[in-house]
Amino acid sequence: MKTNELSTCFCTHDVDACRDFYREHFAAEAIFDCGWYVNLRIGEDGPTVQFMQPQGEMPTFSGTGVMLNFKVDDVDTEHTRLTKAGLQIAMPLEDHPWGDRGFSIIDPIGNSIYIYSDREPTDEFKQYYKG
């Protein structure tokens, strides 16, 4: 299979809250928005994420088990920006031996958003990096 793009769609009753959250905090722009379904692009050429209200008997996302990872150039700047915006930090900003520095917040429907920048991994973890 040749995949040209991969994105995630969350079925939720809180489409408006998600749209507003990602627009405000992640510079997301709607590339399609019919009210009950929105396709958001993160940044100018970034990835997309979708939110849709359930249609018929579709189950809604339960708010657990998903982590969206955002790799950024300067995690410290993003941490300062998002804490100043009043967002609750779910995991503190810290260095990790596997090779990143990061923190996490929670979006309106319970997704964990991990924001990180690469760092040199410790010797213990260097062996696990491939190619």
N, C-alpha and C. Protein backbone atom coordinates (compact mmCIF):
# COMPACT_ATOMS: atom_id res chain seq x y z
N MET A 1 0.85 -1.18 0.00
CA MET A 1 0.00 0.00 0.00
C MET A 1 0.88 1.23 0.00
N LYS A 2 0.59 2.16 -0.88
CA LYS A 2 1.28 3.44 -0.92
C LYS A 2 0.37 4.47 -0.25
N THR A 3 0.80 4.96 0.90
CA THR A 3 0.00 5.94 1.64
C THR A 3 0.51 7.34 1.34
N ASN A 4 -0.38 8.23 0.98
CA ASN A 4 0.01 9.60 0.66
C ASN A 4 -0.14 10.55 1.84
N GLU A 5 -0.99 10.19 2.79
CA GLU A 5 -1.20 11.04 3.95
C GLU A 5 -1.86 10.21 5.04
N LEU A 6 -1.56 10.54 6.28
CA LEU A 6 -2.20 9.90 7.42
C LEU A 6 -2.71 10.99 8.34
N SER A 7 -3.95 10.88 8.77
CA SER A 7 -4.51 11.84 9.71
C SER A 7 -5.43 11.10 10.66
N THR A 8 -5.84 11.81 11.69
CA THR A 8 -6.67 11.22 12.72
C THR A 8 -7.98 11.99 12.80
N CYS A 9 -9.10 11.26 12.93
CA CYS A 9 -10.41 11.88 13.08
C CYS A 9 -11.03 11.39 14.38
N PHE A 10 -11.48 12.33 15.20
CA PHE A 10 -12.13 12.01 16.46
C PHE A 10 -13.62 12.31 16.36
N CYS A 11 -14.43 11.33 16.68
CA CYS A 11 -15.87 11.49 16.70
C CYS A 11 -16.26 12.02 18.09
N THR A 12 -16.84 13.23 18.13
CA THR A 12 -17.12 13.89 19.39
C THR A 12 -18.31 14.84 19.27
N HIS A 13 -18.96 15.08 20.37
CA HIS A 13 -20.02 16.10 20.42
C HIS A 13 -19.44 17.49 20.62
N ASP A 14 -18.12 17.59 20.82
CA ASP A 14 -17.46 18.86 21.13
C ASP A 14 -16.61 19.38 19.97
N VAL A 15 -17.12 19.32 18.76
CA VAL A 15 -16.40 19.79 17.58
C VAL A 15 -16.02 21.26 17.73
N ASP A 16 -16.95 22.09 18.18
CA ASP A 16 -16.67 23.52 18.31
C ASP A 16 -15.53 23.79 19.28
N ALA A 17 -15.54 23.12 20.43
CA ALA A 17 -14.49 23.32 21.44
C ALA A 17 -13.13 22.88 20.89
N CYS A 18 -13.11 21.78 20.15
CA CYS A 18 -11.85 21.31 19.57
C CYS A 18 -11.34 22.28 18.51
N ARG A 19 -12.22 22.72 17.63
CA ARG A 19 -11.85 23.69 16.60
C ARG A 19 -11.22 24.92 17.24
N ASP A 20 -11.89 25.46 18.24
CA ASP A 20 -11.42 26.68 18.91
C ASP A 20 -10.08 26.45 19.61
N PHE A 21 -9.95 25.33 20.29
CA PHE A 21 -8.73 25.01 21.02
C PHE A 21 -7.52 24.94 20.09
N TYR A 22 -7.64 24.19 18.99
CA TYR A 22 -6.51 24.02 18.08
C TYR A 22 -6.22 25.30 17.29
N ARG A 23 -7.23 26.07 16.99
CA ARG A 23 -7.00 27.37 16.34
C ARG A 23 -6.23 28.30 17.28
N GLU A 24 -6.70 28.39 18.51
CA GLU A 24 -6.11 29.32 19.46
C GLU A 24 -4.69 28.94 19.87
N HIS A 25 -4.44 27.69 20.13
CA HIS A 25 -3.17 27.29 20.72
C HIS A 25 -2.16 26.68 19.75
N PHE A 26 -2.61 26.27 18.56
CA PHE A 26 -1.71 25.61 17.63
C PHE A 26 -1.76 26.17 16.20
N ALA A 27 -2.31 27.37 16.07
CA ALA A 27 -2.37 28.04 14.77
C ALA A 27 -3.02 27.17 13.69
N ALA A 28 -3.99 26.38 14.09
CA ALA A 28 -4.68 25.51 13.14
C ALA A 28 -5.64 26.33 12.28
N GLU A 29 -5.73 25.94 11.03
CA GLU A 29 -6.68 26.58 10.11
C GLU A 29 -7.59 25.50 9.54
N ALA A 30 -8.86 25.83 9.46
CA ALA A 30 -9.82 24.89 8.88
C ALA A 30 -9.62 24.87 7.37
N ILE A 31 -9.39 23.67 6.84
CA ILE A 31 -9.31 23.53 5.38
C ILE A 31 -10.62 22.96 4.85
N PHE A 32 -11.47 22.50 5.76
CA PHE A 32 -12.85 22.13 5.46
C PHE A 32 -13.62 22.25 6.77
N ASP A 33 -14.78 22.90 6.71
CA ASP A 33 -15.58 23.07 7.93
C ASP A 33 -17.04 23.23 7.55
N CYS A 34 -17.83 22.17 7.80
CA CYS A 34 -19.27 22.24 7.52
C CYS A 34 -20.07 22.29 8.83
N GLY A 35 -19.39 22.59 9.93
CA GLY A 35 -20.07 22.68 11.22
C GLY A 35 -19.96 21.40 12.02
N TRP A 36 -20.48 20.32 11.49
CA TRP A 36 -20.42 19.05 12.21
C TRP A 36 -19.15 18.27 11.93
N TYR A 37 -18.39 18.70 10.93
CA TYR A 37 -17.11 18.07 10.59
C TYR A 37 -16.12 19.18 10.26
N VAL A 38 -14.94 19.11 10.89
CA VAL A 38 -13.90 20.09 10.59
C VAL A 38 -12.57 19.38 10.38
N ASN A 39 -11.87 19.80 9.33
CA ASN A 39 -10.53 19.30 9.02
C ASN A 39 -9.58 20.47 9.27
N LEU A 40 -8.70 20.30 10.25
CA LEU A 40 -7.78 21.37 10.65
C LEU A 40 -6.36 21.05 10.23
N ARG A 41 -5.70 22.03 9.62
CA ARG A 41 -4.28 21.89 9.29
C ARG A 41 -3.51 22.64 10.37
N ILE A 42 -2.52 21.96 10.96
CA ILE A 42 -1.69 22.55 12.00
C ILE A 42 -0.51 23.24 11.33
N GLY A 43 -0.50 24.56 11.38
CA GLY A 43 0.57 25.31 10.72
C GLY A 43 0.34 25.37 9.22
N GLU A 44 1.23 26.07 8.55
CA GLU A 44 1.06 26.32 7.11
C GLU A 44 1.08 25.06 6.26
N ASP A 45 2.03 24.17 6.51
CA ASP A 45 2.15 22.94 5.72
C ASP A 45 2.14 21.71 6.61
N GLY A 46 1.56 21.82 7.78
CA GLY A 46 1.63 20.75 8.76
C GLY A 46 0.60 19.66 8.57
N PRO A 47 0.57 18.77 9.54
CA PRO A 47 -0.37 17.65 9.52
C PRO A 47 -1.80 18.13 9.75
N THR A 48 -2.74 17.23 9.54
CA THR A 48 -4.15 17.56 9.77
C THR A 48 -4.72 16.67 10.86
N VAL A 49 -5.77 17.18 11.47
CA VAL A 49 -6.55 16.44 12.45
C VAL A 49 -8.01 16.80 12.21
N GLN A 50 -8.90 15.83 12.34
CA GLN A 50 -10.31 16.06 12.07
C GLN A 50 -11.13 15.75 13.32
N PHE A 51 -12.25 16.48 13.42
CA PHE A 51 -13.23 16.25 14.48
C PHE A 51 -14.59 16.23 13.83
N MET A 52 -15.42 15.25 14.21
CA MET A 52 -16.75 15.18 13.63
C MET A 52 -17.78 14.77 14.68
N GLN A 53 -18.96 15.34 14.54
CA GLN A 53 -20.07 14.92 15.39
C GLN A 53 -20.54 13.56 14.90
N PRO A 54 -20.97 12.69 15.82
CA PRO A 54 -21.39 11.36 15.40
C PRO A 54 -22.57 11.42 14.44
N GLN A 55 -22.52 10.55 13.47
CA GLN A 55 -23.58 10.43 12.48
C GLN A 55 -24.27 9.09 12.73
N GLY A 56 -25.55 9.14 12.92
CA GLY A 56 -26.28 7.90 13.20
C GLY A 56 -25.85 7.31 14.52
N GLU A 57 -25.48 6.05 14.49
CA GLU A 57 -25.11 5.32 15.71
C GLU A 57 -23.59 5.26 15.94
N MET A 58 -22.85 6.15 15.31
CA MET A 58 -21.39 6.12 15.49
C MET A 58 -21.02 6.34 16.96
N PRO A 59 -20.07 5.57 17.46
CA PRO A 59 -19.62 5.80 18.84
C PRO A 59 -18.74 7.05 18.89
N THR A 60 -18.73 7.69 20.03
CA THR A 60 -17.88 8.87 20.20
C THR A 60 -16.59 8.47 20.89
N PHE A 61 -15.57 9.28 20.69
CA PHE A 61 -14.27 9.07 21.30
C PHE A 61 -14.41 9.19 22.81
N SER A 62 -13.79 8.27 23.55
CA SER A 62 -13.96 8.23 25.00
C SER A 62 -12.96 9.08 25.76
N GLY A 63 -11.98 9.66 25.08
CA GLY A 63 -11.04 10.56 25.74
C GLY A 63 -9.89 9.88 26.45
N THR A 64 -9.61 8.65 26.14
CA THR A 64 -8.48 7.99 26.77
C THR A 64 -7.67 7.22 25.74
N GLY A 65 -6.41 7.10 26.02
CA GLY A 65 -5.55 6.24 25.22
C GLY A 65 -4.93 6.84 23.98
N VAL A 66 -5.18 8.12 23.68
CA VAL A 66 -4.58 8.73 22.50
C VAL A 66 -3.63 9.83 22.94
N MET A 67 -2.44 9.82 22.33
CA MET A 67 -1.47 10.89 22.55
C MET A 67 -1.08 11.44 21.19
N LEU A 68 -1.27 12.72 20.99
CA LEU A 68 -0.83 13.39 19.78
C LEU A 68 0.54 14.00 20.08
N ASN A 69 1.54 13.68 19.27
CA ASN A 69 2.90 14.15 19.49
C ASN A 69 3.23 15.28 18.53
N PHE A 70 3.62 16.42 19.08
CA PHE A 70 3.99 17.59 18.30
C PHE A 70 5.48 17.84 18.49
N LYS A 71 6.27 17.60 17.47
CA LYS A 71 7.70 17.90 17.52
C LYS A 71 7.87 19.36 17.11
N VAL A 72 8.55 20.13 17.95
CA VAL A 72 8.75 21.56 17.71
C VAL A 72 10.23 21.89 17.79
N ASP A 73 10.59 23.07 17.29
CA ASP A 73 11.98 23.50 17.33
C ASP A 73 12.42 23.85 18.75
N ASP A 74 11.54 24.51 19.53
CA ASP A 74 11.92 25.01 20.85
C ASP A 74 10.82 24.69 21.86
N VAL A 75 10.93 23.56 22.53
CA VAL A 75 9.91 23.12 23.46
C VAL A 75 9.78 24.06 24.65
N ASP A 76 10.87 24.68 25.07
CA ASP A 76 10.81 25.59 26.21
C ASP A 76 9.93 26.81 25.90
N THR A 77 10.06 27.33 24.69
CA THR A 77 9.22 28.46 24.27
C THR A 77 7.76 28.06 24.23
N GLU A 78 7.47 26.88 23.71
CA GLU A 78 6.07 26.41 23.65
C GLU A 78 5.51 26.18 25.05
N HIS A 79 6.32 25.66 25.95
CA HIS A 79 5.88 25.45 27.33
C HIS A 79 5.51 26.79 27.97
N THR A 80 6.37 27.77 27.81
CA THR A 80 6.10 29.11 28.35
C THR A 80 4.83 29.69 27.75
N ARG A 81 4.68 29.60 26.44
CA ARG A 81 3.52 30.16 25.74
C ARG A 81 2.22 29.51 26.22
N LEU A 82 2.21 28.20 26.33
CA LEU A 82 0.97 27.50 26.68
C LEU A 82 0.63 27.62 28.17
N THR A 83 1.63 27.71 29.03
CA THR A 83 1.32 27.93 30.44
C THR A 83 0.83 29.36 30.66
N LYS A 84 1.41 30.32 29.93
CA LYS A 84 0.91 31.71 30.02
C LYS A 84 -0.53 31.81 29.52
N ALA A 85 -0.90 30.92 28.59
CA ALA A 85 -2.28 30.91 28.06
C ALA A 85 -3.24 30.26 29.05
N GLY A 86 -2.71 29.72 30.14
CA GLY A 86 -3.56 29.14 31.17
C GLY A 86 -3.88 27.67 31.00
N LEU A 87 -3.21 27.00 30.08
CA LEU A 87 -3.48 25.58 29.90
C LEU A 87 -2.85 24.78 31.03
N GLN A 88 -3.58 23.76 31.44
CA GLN A 88 -3.09 22.89 32.50
C GLN A 88 -2.05 21.94 31.94
N ILE A 89 -0.94 21.86 32.62
CA ILE A 89 0.12 20.95 32.21
C ILE A 89 -0.15 19.58 32.83
N ALA A 90 -0.27 18.56 32.00
CA ALA A 90 -0.56 17.21 32.48
C ALA A 90 0.71 16.46 32.84
N MET A 91 1.80 16.75 32.13
CA MET A 91 3.10 16.17 32.44
C MET A 91 4.11 17.31 32.40
N PRO A 92 4.94 17.45 33.42
CA PRO A 92 5.85 18.60 33.45
C PRO A 92 6.92 18.54 32.36
N LEU A 93 7.47 19.69 32.07
CA LEU A 93 8.58 19.79 31.12
C LEU A 93 9.81 19.13 31.73
N GLU A 94 10.36 18.16 31.00
CA GLU A 94 11.52 17.46 31.51
C GLU A 94 12.30 16.81 30.38
N ASP A 95 13.57 16.54 30.65
CA ASP A 95 14.43 15.83 29.71
C ASP A 95 14.23 14.33 29.89
N HIS A 96 14.23 13.61 28.77
CA HIS A 96 14.03 12.17 28.81
C HIS A 96 15.24 11.46 28.23
N PRO A 97 15.66 10.36 28.83
CA PRO A 97 16.88 9.69 28.39
C PRO A 97 16.80 9.10 26.98
N TRP A 98 15.59 8.88 26.46
CA TRP A 98 15.45 8.31 25.12
C TRP A 98 15.69 9.34 24.02
N GLY A 99 15.87 10.63 24.39
CA GLY A 99 16.30 11.60 23.39
C GLY A 99 15.34 12.71 23.09
N ASP A 100 14.57 13.15 24.08
CA ASP A 100 13.76 14.35 23.87
C ASP A 100 13.56 15.10 25.18
N ARG A 101 13.07 16.31 25.04
CA ARG A 101 12.66 17.14 26.17
C ARG A 101 11.22 17.51 25.86
N GLY A 102 10.29 17.24 26.78
CA GLY A 102 8.90 17.48 26.46
C GLY A 102 8.00 17.62 27.66
N PHE A 103 6.74 17.95 27.35
CA PHE A 103 5.68 18.09 28.34
C PHE A 103 4.37 17.76 27.66
N SER A 104 3.29 17.64 28.43
CA SER A 104 2.00 17.37 27.79
C SER A 104 0.90 18.19 28.43
N ILE A 105 -0.12 18.42 27.60
CA ILE A 105 -1.36 19.09 28.00
C ILE A 105 -2.51 18.20 27.53
N ILE A 106 -3.73 18.56 27.90
CA ILE A 106 -4.91 17.80 27.51
C ILE A 106 -5.84 18.69 26.69
N ASP A 107 -6.34 18.17 25.56
CA ASP A 107 -7.26 18.96 24.74
C ASP A 107 -8.70 18.82 25.28
N PRO A 108 -9.66 19.52 24.69
CA PRO A 108 -11.03 19.52 25.23
C PRO A 108 -11.72 18.16 25.30
N ILE A 109 -11.28 17.18 24.51
CA ILE A 109 -11.94 15.87 24.56
C ILE A 109 -11.06 14.79 25.20
N GLY A 110 -9.99 15.20 25.86
CA GLY A 110 -9.19 14.26 26.62
C GLY A 110 -7.95 13.70 25.95
N ASN A 111 -7.64 14.15 24.74
CA ASN A 111 -6.40 13.71 24.10
C ASN A 111 -5.22 14.31 24.84
N SER A 112 -4.20 13.50 25.05
CA SER A 112 -2.95 14.00 25.60
C SER A 112 -2.14 14.56 24.43
N ILE A 113 -1.67 15.78 24.57
CA ILE A 113 -0.84 16.40 23.53
C ILE A 113 0.57 16.51 24.09
N TYR A 114 1.48 15.74 23.52
CA TYR A 114 2.87 15.73 23.95
C TYR A 114 3.65 16.65 23.02
N ILE A 115 4.29 17.65 23.58
CA ILE A 115 5.05 18.63 22.81
C ILE A 115 6.51 18.45 23.20
N TYR A 116 7.37 18.28 22.19
CA TYR A 116 8.75 17.93 22.50
C TYR A 116 9.72 18.47 21.46
N SER A 117 10.99 18.52 21.85
CA SER A 117 12.12 18.77 20.96
C SER A 117 13.12 17.66 21.17
N ASP A 118 13.83 17.31 20.10
CA ASP A 118 14.84 16.26 20.19
C ASP A 118 16.01 16.71 21.05
N ARG A 119 16.60 15.76 21.72
CA ARG A 119 17.83 15.91 22.50
C ARG A 119 18.68 14.68 22.22
N GLU A 120 19.92 14.75 22.58
CA GLU A 120 20.82 13.60 22.45
C GLU A 120 20.37 12.52 23.44
N PRO A 121 20.13 11.30 22.96
CA PRO A 121 19.75 10.23 23.89
C PRO A 121 20.96 9.80 24.72
N THR A 122 20.67 9.22 25.86
CA THR A 122 21.74 8.67 26.68
C THR A 122 22.28 7.41 25.99
N ASP A 123 23.46 6.99 26.42
CA ASP A 123 24.06 5.79 25.83
C ASP A 123 23.13 4.59 25.92
N GLU A 124 22.39 4.50 27.01
CA GLU A 124 21.46 3.39 27.20
C GLU A 124 20.46 3.28 26.05
N PHE A 125 19.99 4.43 25.52
CA PHE A 125 18.95 4.44 24.50
C PHE A 125 19.49 4.57 23.07
N LYS A 126 20.73 4.96 22.89
CA LYS A 126 21.27 5.12 21.52
C LYS A 126 21.17 3.82 20.73
N GLN A 127 21.31 2.69 21.39
CA GLN A 127 21.30 1.39 20.70
C GLN A 127 19.96 1.08 20.03
N TYR A 128 18.90 1.75 20.44
CA TYR A 128 17.57 1.45 19.91
C TYR A 128 17.23 2.25 18.65
N TYR A 129 18.02 3.25 18.32
CA TYR A 129 17.75 4.05 17.12
C TYR A 129 18.23 3.29 15.90
N LYS A 130 17.38 3.23 14.90
CA LYS A 130 17.67 2.49 13.67
C LYS A 130 18.01 3.46 12.55
N GLY A 131 19.03 3.12 11.77
CA GLY A 131 19.41 3.82 10.56
C GLY A 131 19.54 5.26 10.66
